[in-house]
Protein backbone atom coordinates (compact mmCIF):
# COMPACT_ATOMS: atom_id res chain seq x y z
CA MET A 1 18.04 -1.26 -3.88
CA LYS A 2 16.37 0.39 -6.91
CA SER A 3 13.70 -1.80 -8.32
CA LYS A 4 13.07 -4.24 -11.22
CA TYR A 5 10.64 -1.61 -13.33
CA GLY A 6 12.14 1.79 -11.58
CA ASN A 7 9.42 2.00 -9.16
CA ARG A 8 10.46 3.43 -6.00
CA LYS A 9 8.01 1.95 -2.97
CA LYS A 10 6.97 4.70 -0.55
CA ILE A 11 5.24 4.51 3.15
CA ILE A 12 2.31 7.42 3.99
CA ASN A 13 1.33 7.30 6.84
CA GLY A 14 1.21 4.06 7.63
CA VAL A 15 0.01 3.11 4.26
CA LYS A 16 2.82 1.40 1.81
CA PHE A 17 2.74 1.99 -1.74
CA ASP A 18 4.28 0.12 -4.48
CA SER A 19 4.85 2.90 -6.53
CA GLU A 20 4.70 7.08 -6.20
CA LEU A 21 1.92 6.97 -8.90
CA GLU A 22 -0.46 4.77 -6.49
CA ALA A 23 0.38 7.62 -3.71
CA TYR A 24 -0.05 10.21 -6.14
CA CYS A 25 -3.51 9.11 -7.25
CA TYR A 26 -4.93 7.51 -3.10
CA ASN A 27 -4.12 11.46 -2.41
CA MET A 28 -5.88 12.38 -5.29
CA LEU A 29 -8.81 10.28 -4.01
CA ASN A 30 -8.97 10.31 -0.60
CA ILE A 31 -8.96 14.55 -0.79
CA LEU A 32 -11.35 14.66 -3.65
CA LYS A 33 -13.34 12.21 -1.02
CA ILE A 34 -14.26 8.91 -3.44
CA ASP A 35 -14.74 6.41 -1.19
CA PHE A 36 -12.45 3.23 -2.65
CA GLU A 37 -10.98 -0.26 -1.59
CA PHE A 38 -6.66 0.48 -2.10
CA GLN A 39 -5.58 -3.17 -3.20
CA LYS A 40 -8.14 -5.41 -3.08
CA THR A 41 -7.44 -9.47 -3.79
CA ILE A 42 -9.51 -10.52 -6.63
CA VAL A 43 -9.23 -14.57 -7.19
CA LEU A 44 -8.78 -15.07 -11.17
CA ILE A 45 -9.16 -18.84 -11.06
CA GLU A 46 -9.26 -20.44 -7.68
CA LYS A 47 -8.22 -23.11 -6.45
CA PHE A 48 -7.99 -27.09 -7.48
CA ARG A 49 -6.66 -30.10 -8.26
CA PHE A 50 -5.17 -31.93 -10.81
CA GLU A 51 -3.40 -35.27 -10.60
CA GLY A 52 -4.00 -35.32 -6.96
CA LYS A 53 -2.08 -32.45 -6.10
CA THR A 54 -3.69 -29.07 -5.04
CA ILE A 55 -2.74 -25.93 -7.38
CA ARG A 56 -2.77 -22.97 -5.32
CA GLU A 57 -4.80 -20.10 -7.24
CA THR A 58 -4.60 -17.37 -9.14
CA THR A 59 -5.04 -14.06 -8.18
CA ALA A 60 -4.51 -10.41 -8.80
CA ILE A 61 -4.14 -7.14 -6.99
CA VAL A 62 -6.10 -4.14 -8.30
CA ASP A 63 -4.65 -0.84 -6.47
CA PHE A 64 -8.57 0.23 -6.04
CA VAL A 65 -11.97 -0.42 -6.41
CA ILE A 66 -14.60 2.53 -6.70
CA ASN A 67 -17.93 2.15 -6.92
CA ASN A 68 -19.23 5.40 -8.51
CA ASN A 69 -22.70 6.09 -9.86
CA GLY A 70 -23.80 2.45 -9.99
CA GLN A 71 -20.49 1.87 -11.71
CA THR A 72 -18.03 -0.47 -10.08
CA ILE A 73 -14.20 1.04 -11.07
CA TYR A 74 -11.05 -1.83 -11.88
CA LEU A 75 -8.16 1.31 -11.57
CA ASP A 76 -4.51 0.66 -11.50
CA THR A 77 -1.91 2.67 -11.88
CA LYS A 78 1.56 0.80 -13.70
CA GLY A 79 4.34 3.03 -15.43
CA PHE A 80 5.07 -0.56 -17.12
CA ALA A 81 3.10 -3.41 -17.27
CA THR A 82 4.77 -6.56 -17.90
CA GLU A 83 3.92 -9.55 -20.07
CA VAL A 84 2.09 -11.23 -16.51
CA SER A 85 -0.07 -8.79 -15.59
CA LYS A 86 -1.12 -7.82 -19.24
CA ILE A 87 -2.86 -11.55 -19.00
CA LYS A 88 -4.13 -11.22 -15.04
CA TYR A 89 -5.62 -8.25 -16.27
CA LYS A 90 -6.79 -9.56 -19.39
CA MET A 91 -8.42 -12.63 -17.21
CA LEU A 92 -10.28 -9.85 -14.98
CA LYS A 93 -11.22 -8.55 -18.22
CA TYR A 94 -13.44 -11.91 -19.23
CA GLN A 95 -14.67 -12.59 -15.73
CA LEU A 96 -15.87 -8.82 -16.03
CA LYS A 97 -17.65 -9.03 -19.69
CA ASP A 98 -21.00 -10.71 -18.99
CA ILE A 99 -22.00 -7.94 -15.20
CA GLU A 100 -22.60 -4.41 -16.19
CA ASN A 101 -21.22 -1.22 -14.62
CA ASN A 102 -18.10 -2.31 -14.64
CA ARG A 103 -14.54 -0.56 -15.91
CA VAL A 104 -11.29 -2.44 -15.79
CA VAL A 105 -9.15 1.10 -16.20
CA TRP A 106 -4.88 1.62 -16.04
CA LEU A 107 -3.72 4.83 -15.50
CA HIS A 108 0.58 5.61 -16.90
CA SER A 109 0.98 8.96 -15.20
CA LYS A 110 0.21 11.45 -13.27
CA LYS A 111 -1.51 13.12 -15.81
CA GLU A 112 -3.58 10.09 -16.33
CA VAL A 113 -4.21 10.27 -13.03
CA THR A 114 -5.52 13.76 -12.24
CA ASP A 115 -7.65 13.72 -15.70
CA PHE A 116 -9.41 10.55 -14.33
CA ILE A 117 -10.51 11.09 -11.26
CA ASN A 118 -10.74 15.59 -11.86
CA ASN A 119 -13.69 13.56 -13.97
CA LEU A 120 -14.19 10.95 -11.37
CA LYS A 121 -15.47 13.75 -9.82
CA THR A 122 -17.86 15.77 -11.49
CA ASN A 123 -19.23 12.93 -13.73
CA GLN A 124 -17.45 13.75 -16.81
CA ASN A 125 -17.35 10.86 -19.91
CA VAL A 126 -16.08 8.56 -17.49
CA ASN A 127 -17.68 5.85 -19.68
CA ASN A 128 -15.60 6.81 -22.72
CA GLN A 129 -12.17 7.63 -20.57
CA GLN A 130 -9.42 4.50 -21.52
CA SER A 131 -5.98 3.93 -20.52
CA SER A 132 -3.61 4.38 -23.63
CA ILE A 133 -3.25 0.20 -23.61
CA ALA A 134 -5.91 -1.85 -24.34
CA TRP A 135 -4.92 -5.27 -24.30
């Protein structure tokens, strides 16, 4: 069965990936021995009560969180961004806006992943590299 957005789920060495691009990024990070957290859940809005009912928390699952040279990079691999994902990542950026040395990066192709990770490994201008989508 084809997925809604055309991505193919993949399992490699027991690790489940939401897309081939995510698996590609995971493998590159491991090959280049870059430390990262995988599929980290970040709470955007805490659960709360409204009119006597509990409203559950709102979360975003970031594909990779990389700590590199004092900078935390929230890296997501998406070929297609939904309206919900755009809003969640705006919320993540809002949470991080006053915290120094944090970046939110979306990569959309194997070429973008390759370029970004190679630049990260060689410490070349990662601060100025940005995804082509600016929300």
